[in-house]
Protein backbone atom coordinates (compact mmCIF):
# COMPACT_ATOMS: atom_id res chain seq x y z
CA MET A 1 3.16 -25.54 -35.19
CA PRO A 2 7.14 -25.39 -34.47
CA LEU A 3 8.16 -25.17 -31.47
CA ARG A 4 9.80 -21.57 -32.15
CA ALA A 5 6.20 -20.27 -32.73
CA ILE A 6 5.12 -21.71 -29.20
CA VAL A 7 7.94 -20.20 -27.49
CA VAL A 8 6.98 -16.65 -28.85
CA LEU A 9 3.48 -16.99 -27.94
CA ILE A 10 3.56 -18.30 -24.57
CA PRO A 11 5.22 -14.66 -23.33
CA LEU A 12 2.40 -12.68 -25.18
CA VAL A 13 -0.05 -14.71 -23.68
CA LEU A 14 1.16 -14.49 -20.26
CA ALA A 15 1.79 -10.81 -20.79
CA GLY A 16 -1.72 -10.17 -21.37
CA GLN A 17 -3.16 -11.70 -18.67
CA ALA A 18 -0.60 -9.40 -16.21
CA ALA A 19 -2.33 -6.31 -17.75
CA ALA A 20 -5.37 -6.83 -15.58
CA THR A 21 -6.42 -7.52 -12.38
CA THR A 22 -9.91 -8.96 -11.32
CA LEU A 23 -11.87 -8.19 -8.43
CA GLN A 24 -15.46 -8.96 -6.75
CA ARG A 25 -17.14 -5.92 -7.73
CA PHE A 26 -18.40 -4.47 -4.11
CA ASP A 27 -21.11 -1.84 -3.29
CA LEU A 28 -21.25 0.54 -0.55
CA GLN A 29 -23.18 -1.40 1.97
CA SER A 30 -20.48 -4.42 1.07
CA LEU A 31 -17.77 -2.49 1.23
CA THR A 32 -18.92 -1.31 4.78
CA VAL A 33 -19.73 -4.76 5.93
CA SER A 34 -16.23 -6.34 4.90
CA ALA A 35 -14.03 -3.51 6.22
CA GLU A 36 -12.63 -3.56 9.66
CA ARG A 37 -12.36 -0.03 9.59
CA VAL A 38 -13.78 3.07 7.32
CA PHE A 39 -12.09 6.76 7.89
CA HIS A 40 -11.93 9.83 6.71
CA GLY A 41 -8.67 11.86 6.60
CA SER A 42 -6.00 13.25 4.60
CA CYS A 43 -2.26 11.39 3.04
CA ILE A 44 0.43 13.26 5.19
CA ALA A 45 3.21 11.20 3.67
CA ALA A 46 4.48 8.54 1.00
CA GLU A 47 7.50 6.70 1.47
CA GLY A 48 8.86 3.87 -1.21
CA GLU A 49 10.60 1.12 0.26
CA LEU A 50 12.05 -2.69 -0.61
CA ILE A 51 10.72 -5.25 1.61
CA ASP A 52 11.94 -8.72 0.31
CA GLY A 53 13.29 -7.75 -2.97
CA ILE A 54 9.41 -6.27 -3.83
CA PRO A 55 8.76 -2.19 -3.97
CA TYR A 56 6.05 -1.34 -1.51
CA THR A 57 4.67 2.51 -0.51
CA THR A 58 3.69 3.09 2.98
CA TYR A 59 1.27 6.25 3.40
CA ARG A 60 0.26 7.30 6.28
CA PHE A 61 -3.04 9.53 7.11
CA ALA A 62 -4.23 11.80 9.72
CA VAL A 63 -7.47 10.64 10.31
CA ALA A 64 -10.48 13.42 10.85
CA GLU A 65 -13.19 11.01 11.46
CA THR A 66 -13.39 7.30 12.35
CA VAL A 67 -16.86 6.04 10.82
CA LYS A 68 -16.27 2.27 11.20
CA GLY A 69 -14.03 0.58 13.73
CA GLU A 70 -11.42 1.77 16.49
CA GLY A 71 -10.14 5.26 16.42
CA GLU A 72 -6.77 6.70 15.66
CA ALA A 73 -5.42 9.86 14.78
CA GLU A 74 -3.14 8.45 12.57
CA THR A 75 -2.98 5.37 10.31
CA MET A 76 -0.21 3.97 8.16
CA VAL A 77 -1.01 1.46 5.13
CA ARG A 78 1.40 -0.15 3.20
CA LEU A 79 1.02 -1.12 -0.21
CA ILE A 80 2.83 -3.30 -3.07
CA GLY A 81 4.19 -0.26 -5.96
CA GLY A 82 5.61 2.92 -5.90
CA LEU A 83 9.06 3.86 -7.29
CA HIS A 84 12.36 1.76 -6.69
CA GLU A 85 15.59 3.06 -8.42
CA GLY A 86 13.45 5.62 -10.54
CA ARG A 87 11.47 2.86 -12.07
CA ARG A 88 7.16 2.80 -11.13
CA PHE A 89 6.14 -0.42 -10.35
CA ASP A 90 2.14 -0.57 -10.08
CA LEU A 91 -0.03 -3.48 -9.51
CA VAL A 92 -2.96 -2.95 -11.41
CA GLY A 93 -6.00 -1.69 -9.35
CA MET A 94 -4.16 -1.06 -6.50
CA PRO A 95 -4.41 2.49 -5.34
CA SER A 96 -1.78 5.17 -4.62
CA PHE A 97 -2.51 7.94 -2.49
CA ALA A 98 -0.25 11.56 -2.84
CA PRO A 99 0.45 13.54 0.72
CA GLY A 100 -2.00 16.69 0.89
CA GLU A 101 -4.99 14.24 -0.98
CA GLU A 102 -8.39 13.80 1.65
CA VAL A 103 -9.91 10.75 0.82
CA VAL A 104 -12.27 8.30 3.04
CA LEU A 105 -10.67 4.87 3.02
CA PHE A 106 -12.10 1.13 3.82
CA LEU A 107 -9.93 -0.95 5.32
CA THR A 108 -9.00 -4.95 5.63
CA ALA A 109 -8.18 -6.61 8.83
CA PRO A 110 -4.34 -6.43 9.42
CA ASP A 111 -2.65 -8.95 7.19
CA ARG A 112 -0.02 -11.30 8.48
CA ARG A 113 2.57 -8.82 8.34
CA GLY A 114 0.22 -6.37 10.03
CA ASN A 115 -0.70 -4.59 7.17
CA PRO A 116 -4.44 -3.49 6.47
CA TRP A 117 -5.52 -3.11 2.77
CA PRO A 118 -8.01 -1.43 0.57
CA VAL A 119 -10.77 -3.27 0.36
CA GLY A 120 -11.33 -4.36 -3.18
CA LEU A 121 -8.31 -2.45 -3.65
CA SER A 122 -9.22 0.49 -5.36
CA GLN A 123 -12.93 0.08 -4.93
CA GLY A 124 -12.16 1.09 -1.51
CA LYS A 125 -10.59 4.94 -1.75
CA PHE A 126 -13.02 7.54 -1.91
CA ALA A 127 -11.43 10.89 -3.30
CA VAL A 128 -12.67 13.84 -1.61
CA SER A 129 -13.45 16.97 -3.06
CA ARG A 130 -13.54 20.64 -1.98
CA GLY A 131 -15.29 22.88 -3.93
CA VAL A 132 -16.80 26.75 -4.30
CA ALA A 133 -19.62 27.41 -2.15
CA LYS A 134 -17.97 24.98 0.62
CA SER A 135 -19.45 21.64 -1.37
CA VAL A 136 -17.72 18.62 -0.51
CA VAL A 137 -18.27 15.82 -2.55
CA VAL A 138 -16.79 12.14 -2.50
CA THR A 139 -15.90 10.25 -5.59
CA GLN A 140 -15.18 6.35 -5.81
CA ALA A 141 -11.33 5.64 -7.10
CA ALA A 142 -11.43 4.93 -11.03
CA SER A 143 -9.13 1.71 -11.38
CA ASP A 144 -7.59 -0.57 -14.22
CA ALA A 145 -8.78 -3.74 -12.72
CA VAL A 146 -11.61 -5.54 -14.15
CA LEU A 147 -14.55 -6.33 -11.60
CA LEU A 148 -16.83 -9.12 -11.62
CA ASP A 149 -20.33 -8.25 -11.19
CA GLY A 150 -22.88 -10.08 -9.39
CA ALA A 151 -23.64 -12.24 -11.46
CA GLY A 152 -19.50 -13.18 -12.60
CA VAL A 153 -19.51 -11.14 -15.70
CA ALA A 154 -16.08 -9.11 -15.67
CA ARG A 155 -16.59 -5.57 -16.29
CA LYS A 156 -14.12 -2.86 -16.88
CA GLY A 157 -14.08 -0.03 -14.27
CA ALA A 158 -14.95 1.26 -10.71
CA VAL A 159 -18.22 1.17 -9.40
CA GLU A 160 -20.11 4.66 -10.78
CA ALA A 161 -22.97 4.45 -8.67
CA ALA A 162 -20.77 5.52 -5.91
CA GLY A 163 -20.35 9.21 -6.61
CA PRO A 164 -19.89 11.79 -6.83
CA ARG A 165 -22.06 12.83 -3.95
CA PRO A 166 -21.65 14.92 -1.06
CA LEU A 167 -19.43 13.84 1.73
CA ASP A 168 -22.02 14.30 4.52
CA GLU A 169 -24.48 12.02 2.77
CA PHE A 170 -22.09 9.36 1.97
CA LEU A 171 -20.50 9.53 5.53
CA ARG A 172 -24.35 8.92 6.74
CA GLU A 173 -24.99 6.24 4.64
CA VAL A 174 -21.77 4.16 5.87
CA ARG A 175 -22.56 4.75 9.39
CA THR A 176 -26.20 3.15 8.63
CA TYR A 177 -24.64 0.11 6.95
CA ALA A 178 -21.46 0.48 9.95
CA GLY A 179 -24.49 0.17 12.48
CA GLY A 180 -24.42 3.60 13.43
CA GLY A 181 -20.96 3.39 14.83
CA GLY A 182 -17.50 5.76 14.64
CA ILE A 183 -15.77 7.87 16.19
CA ASP A 184 -16.14 11.79 15.18
CA ASP A 185 -12.51 12.84 15.86
CA ARG A 186 -12.88 16.22 14.90
CA ARG A 187 -12.41 18.90 17.13
């Protein structure tokens, strides 16, 4: 094969590899056990910034209920990706949040910069939807990431068995996996 053809193929191969993020698949129990903190709350702000040349978005959440970990009235999460100079940068599988969005979030311990991350990236985000007749359900966030099942086989998409289901039932199960802890911050 001529050198020119190899030079053309290398970027094409690398571009295909960059299109997916491979993650371990978490069920609800392993998400809960792996999380340092789980809370139910709403995103109140999303602000982009550039840190060491990398776009990040800082999200602030008003916490309605802490299900596992330390209870705080407000939580900040800084994640890779966001808008910079009019361009959108995304890490495949990384969740994003919009102000006003209600979620249940499973967070890791803070990294070396003091930032917690969603466990399993988008797997750690559950959207809360309020419907008619006061129904409140939770659904796991969708993802473009490739998830590895228990046998190490890659499967595309989010864990479908995790929702939709009633929020109170979901939180009860998370509390069970967390050892019954949690602080109800609702007043």
